[in-house]
């Protein structure tokens, strides 16, 4: 078998292998892109909220019924700038300076995951978290991470960075 490499040249086989790798990668990326949900749906997205039961005057909250998550939707204007900035500083300290993804964080997460032998870090930015929570499942997989990147690339045009927090 080694004689085949010598006769036809090892470089030819290397280039064929690289070509096949990129062709399969391109087809996989095309498949993922075709199965993504429409980005425009985020504007119509309904978040499950807790059910609130008030007294007959409608002013005193008596009970709040919720499942796993206790949510109350608020507009972006109702959230103080200090709260927004605190969220940014904790979740994504380079939020205003990257194009919706941070290669340094993704690389750090890959290295950490490899060294630990399983997926424990994600390296997700706030925009990636929005993509995951609005359109994808919480599973930890390479495929989901690639889909997250593709969705957030679509976010760059219609959504400015500050609008990630809502209107």
Protein backbone atom coordinates (compact mmCIF):
# COMPACT_ATOMS: atom_id res chain seq x y z
CA UNK A 1 0.00 0.00 0.00
CA UNK A 2 2.87 2.35 0.76
CA UNK A 3 4.10 1.82 -2.79
CA UNK A 4 0.86 3.39 -4.11
CA UNK A 5 1.65 6.61 -2.24
CA UNK A 6 5.16 6.67 -3.70
CA UNK A 7 3.96 5.99 -7.27
CA UNK A 8 1.18 8.57 -7.37
CA UNK A 9 2.68 11.01 -4.96
CA UNK A 10 1.70 11.54 -1.36
CA UNK A 11 0.80 15.18 -2.02
CA UNK A 12 -1.88 14.18 -4.48
CA UNK A 13 -3.57 12.02 -1.82
CA UNK A 14 -3.24 14.76 0.75
CA UNK A 15 -4.95 17.25 -1.59
CA UNK A 16 -7.68 14.72 -2.42
CA UNK A 17 -8.26 14.18 1.31
CA UNK A 18 -8.42 17.92 1.98
CA UNK A 19 -10.81 18.36 -0.94
CA UNK A 20 -13.11 15.62 0.34
CA UNK A 21 -13.00 17.13 3.85
CA UNK A 22 -14.08 20.55 2.58
CA UNK A 23 -16.72 19.09 0.27
CA UNK A 24 -18.31 17.07 3.11
CA UNK A 25 -18.01 20.09 5.44
CA UNK A 26 -19.66 22.33 2.85
CA UNK A 27 -22.53 19.89 2.32
CA UNK A 28 -23.01 19.58 6.10
CA UNK A 29 -23.04 23.38 6.49
CA UNK A 30 -25.53 23.68 3.61
CA UNK A 31 -27.79 21.09 5.27
CA UNK A 32 -27.66 22.92 8.61
CA UNK A 33 -28.38 26.26 6.93
CA UNK A 34 -31.43 24.82 5.15
CA UNK A 35 -32.88 23.48 8.42
CA UNK A 36 -32.56 26.70 10.43
CA UNK A 37 -35.74 28.47 11.50
CA UNK A 38 -36.50 31.88 9.96
CA UNK A 39 -34.72 34.60 11.97
CA UNK A 40 -37.71 36.93 11.52
CA UNK A 41 -39.68 34.68 13.91
CA UNK A 42 -37.83 36.17 16.88
CA UNK A 43 -40.01 39.28 16.71
CA UNK A 44 -43.14 37.12 17.03
CA UNK A 45 -41.67 34.78 19.65
CA UNK A 46 -43.92 34.15 22.65
CA UNK A 47 -42.18 33.46 25.93
CA UNK A 48 -44.08 31.30 28.39
CA UNK A 49 -44.94 33.41 31.41
CA UNK A 50 -46.25 32.60 34.86
CA UNK A 51 -50.00 32.80 35.42
CA UNK A 52 -50.85 35.53 37.90
CA UNK A 53 -54.06 35.46 39.92
CA UNK A 54 -55.14 38.80 41.42
CA UNK A 55 -57.84 39.76 43.86
CA UNK A 56 -61.12 41.10 42.53
CA UNK A 57 -59.73 44.64 42.41
CA UNK A 58 -56.91 43.50 40.15
CA UNK A 59 -54.23 45.16 42.27
CA UNK A 60 -53.13 42.56 44.83
CA UNK A 61 -51.33 39.47 43.54
CA UNK A 62 -52.73 36.40 45.31
CA UNK A 63 -51.03 33.49 43.53
CA UNK A 64 -48.50 32.92 40.84
CA UNK A 65 -48.66 29.61 39.00
CA UNK A 66 -45.65 28.50 36.96
CA UNK A 67 -43.86 25.41 35.71
CA UNK A 68 -40.09 25.00 35.81
CA UNK A 69 -39.44 28.68 35.16
CA UNK A 70 -41.06 31.64 36.87
CA UNK A 71 -41.13 34.35 34.18
CA UNK A 72 -42.68 37.75 33.79
CA UNK A 73 -41.99 39.55 30.52
CA UNK A 74 -40.84 43.16 30.80
CA UNK A 75 -39.95 45.65 28.12
CA UNK A 76 -36.37 46.75 27.68
CA UNK A 77 -37.32 50.23 28.89
CA UNK A 78 -38.37 48.79 32.26
CA UNK A 79 -34.89 47.35 32.85
CA UNK A 80 -32.40 49.82 34.31
CA UNK A 81 -29.17 50.51 32.45
CA UNK A 82 -27.25 49.35 35.54
CA UNK A 83 -28.96 45.94 35.33
CA UNK A 84 -28.21 45.67 31.59
CA UNK A 85 -24.57 46.61 32.12
CA UNK A 86 -24.24 44.19 35.05
CA UNK A 87 -25.62 41.40 32.86
CA UNK A 88 -23.17 42.25 30.11
CA UNK A 89 -20.19 42.40 32.49
CA UNK A 90 -21.04 38.98 33.97
CA UNK A 91 -22.17 37.13 30.85
CA UNK A 92 -20.13 38.63 28.02
CA UNK A 93 -17.56 41.28 28.94
CA UNK A 94 -16.69 41.94 25.26
CA UNK A 95 -20.35 42.17 24.17
CA UNK A 96 -19.97 45.57 22.49
CA UNK A 97 -16.72 44.75 20.68
CA UNK A 98 -17.34 41.43 18.90
CA UNK A 99 -19.51 40.52 15.91
CA UNK A 100 -21.99 38.39 17.89
CA UNK A 101 -19.43 35.65 18.58
CA UNK A 102 -16.09 35.54 20.36
CA UNK A 103 -13.55 33.17 18.81
CA UNK A 104 -11.28 33.48 21.85
CA UNK A 105 -14.03 32.21 24.19
CA UNK A 106 -15.02 29.44 21.77
CA UNK A 107 -11.37 28.31 21.47
CA UNK A 108 -10.96 28.43 25.28
CA UNK A 109 -14.11 26.31 25.69
CA UNK A 110 -12.89 23.75 23.11
CA UNK A 111 -9.53 23.41 24.88
CA UNK A 112 -11.23 23.08 28.29
CA UNK A 113 -13.68 20.47 26.95
CA UNK A 114 -10.86 18.44 25.37
CA UNK A 115 -8.74 18.56 28.52
CA UNK A 116 -11.71 17.44 30.66
CA UNK A 117 -12.86 14.77 28.22
CA UNK A 118 -16.46 16.02 27.94
CA UNK A 119 -18.50 19.13 27.17
CA UNK A 120 -18.52 21.45 30.20
CA UNK A 121 -17.96 24.90 28.71
CA UNK A 122 -19.70 26.59 25.82
CA UNK A 123 -17.95 29.90 25.28
CA UNK A 124 -21.33 31.42 24.39
CA UNK A 125 -21.85 35.14 24.01
CA UNK A 126 -25.15 36.80 24.91
CA UNK A 127 -26.13 36.70 21.23
CA UNK A 128 -25.38 32.96 21.09
CA UNK A 129 -27.48 32.42 24.20
CA UNK A 130 -30.34 34.30 22.53
CA UNK A 131 -29.98 32.10 19.42
CA UNK A 132 -29.97 28.94 21.53
CA UNK A 133 -32.88 29.90 23.77
CA UNK A 134 -35.07 31.36 21.02
CA UNK A 135 -34.52 28.76 18.27
CA UNK A 136 -32.62 25.70 19.45
CA UNK A 137 -32.63 23.05 22.15
CA UNK A 138 -30.41 23.11 25.25
CA UNK A 139 -28.50 19.97 24.15
CA UNK A 140 -24.71 20.23 24.24
CA UNK A 141 -23.37 19.23 20.83
CA UNK A 142 -21.05 20.46 18.12
CA UNK A 143 -23.96 20.54 15.66
CA UNK A 144 -25.98 22.84 17.93
CA UNK A 145 -22.96 25.12 18.38
CA UNK A 146 -22.52 25.37 14.59
CA UNK A 147 -26.23 26.14 14.19
CA UNK A 148 -25.90 28.80 16.93
CA UNK A 149 -23.06 30.44 15.00
CA UNK A 150 -25.10 30.40 11.80
CA UNK A 151 -28.14 31.96 13.51
CA UNK A 152 -26.12 34.66 15.19
CA UNK A 153 -24.44 35.55 11.89
CA UNK A 154 -27.97 36.21 10.62
CA UNK A 155 -28.57 38.41 13.70
CA UNK A 156 -25.75 40.78 12.78
CA UNK A 157 -27.75 42.56 10.06
CA UNK A 158 -31.29 42.86 11.45
CA UNK A 159 -30.36 43.28 15.12
CA UNK A 160 -27.90 45.77 16.49
CA UNK A 161 -25.97 44.68 19.55
CA UNK A 162 -28.03 46.73 22.07
CA UNK A 163 -31.29 45.43 20.60
CA UNK A 164 -30.41 41.96 21.85
CA UNK A 165 -31.98 43.13 25.13
CA UNK A 166 -35.28 43.81 23.37
CA UNK A 167 -37.08 46.86 21.99
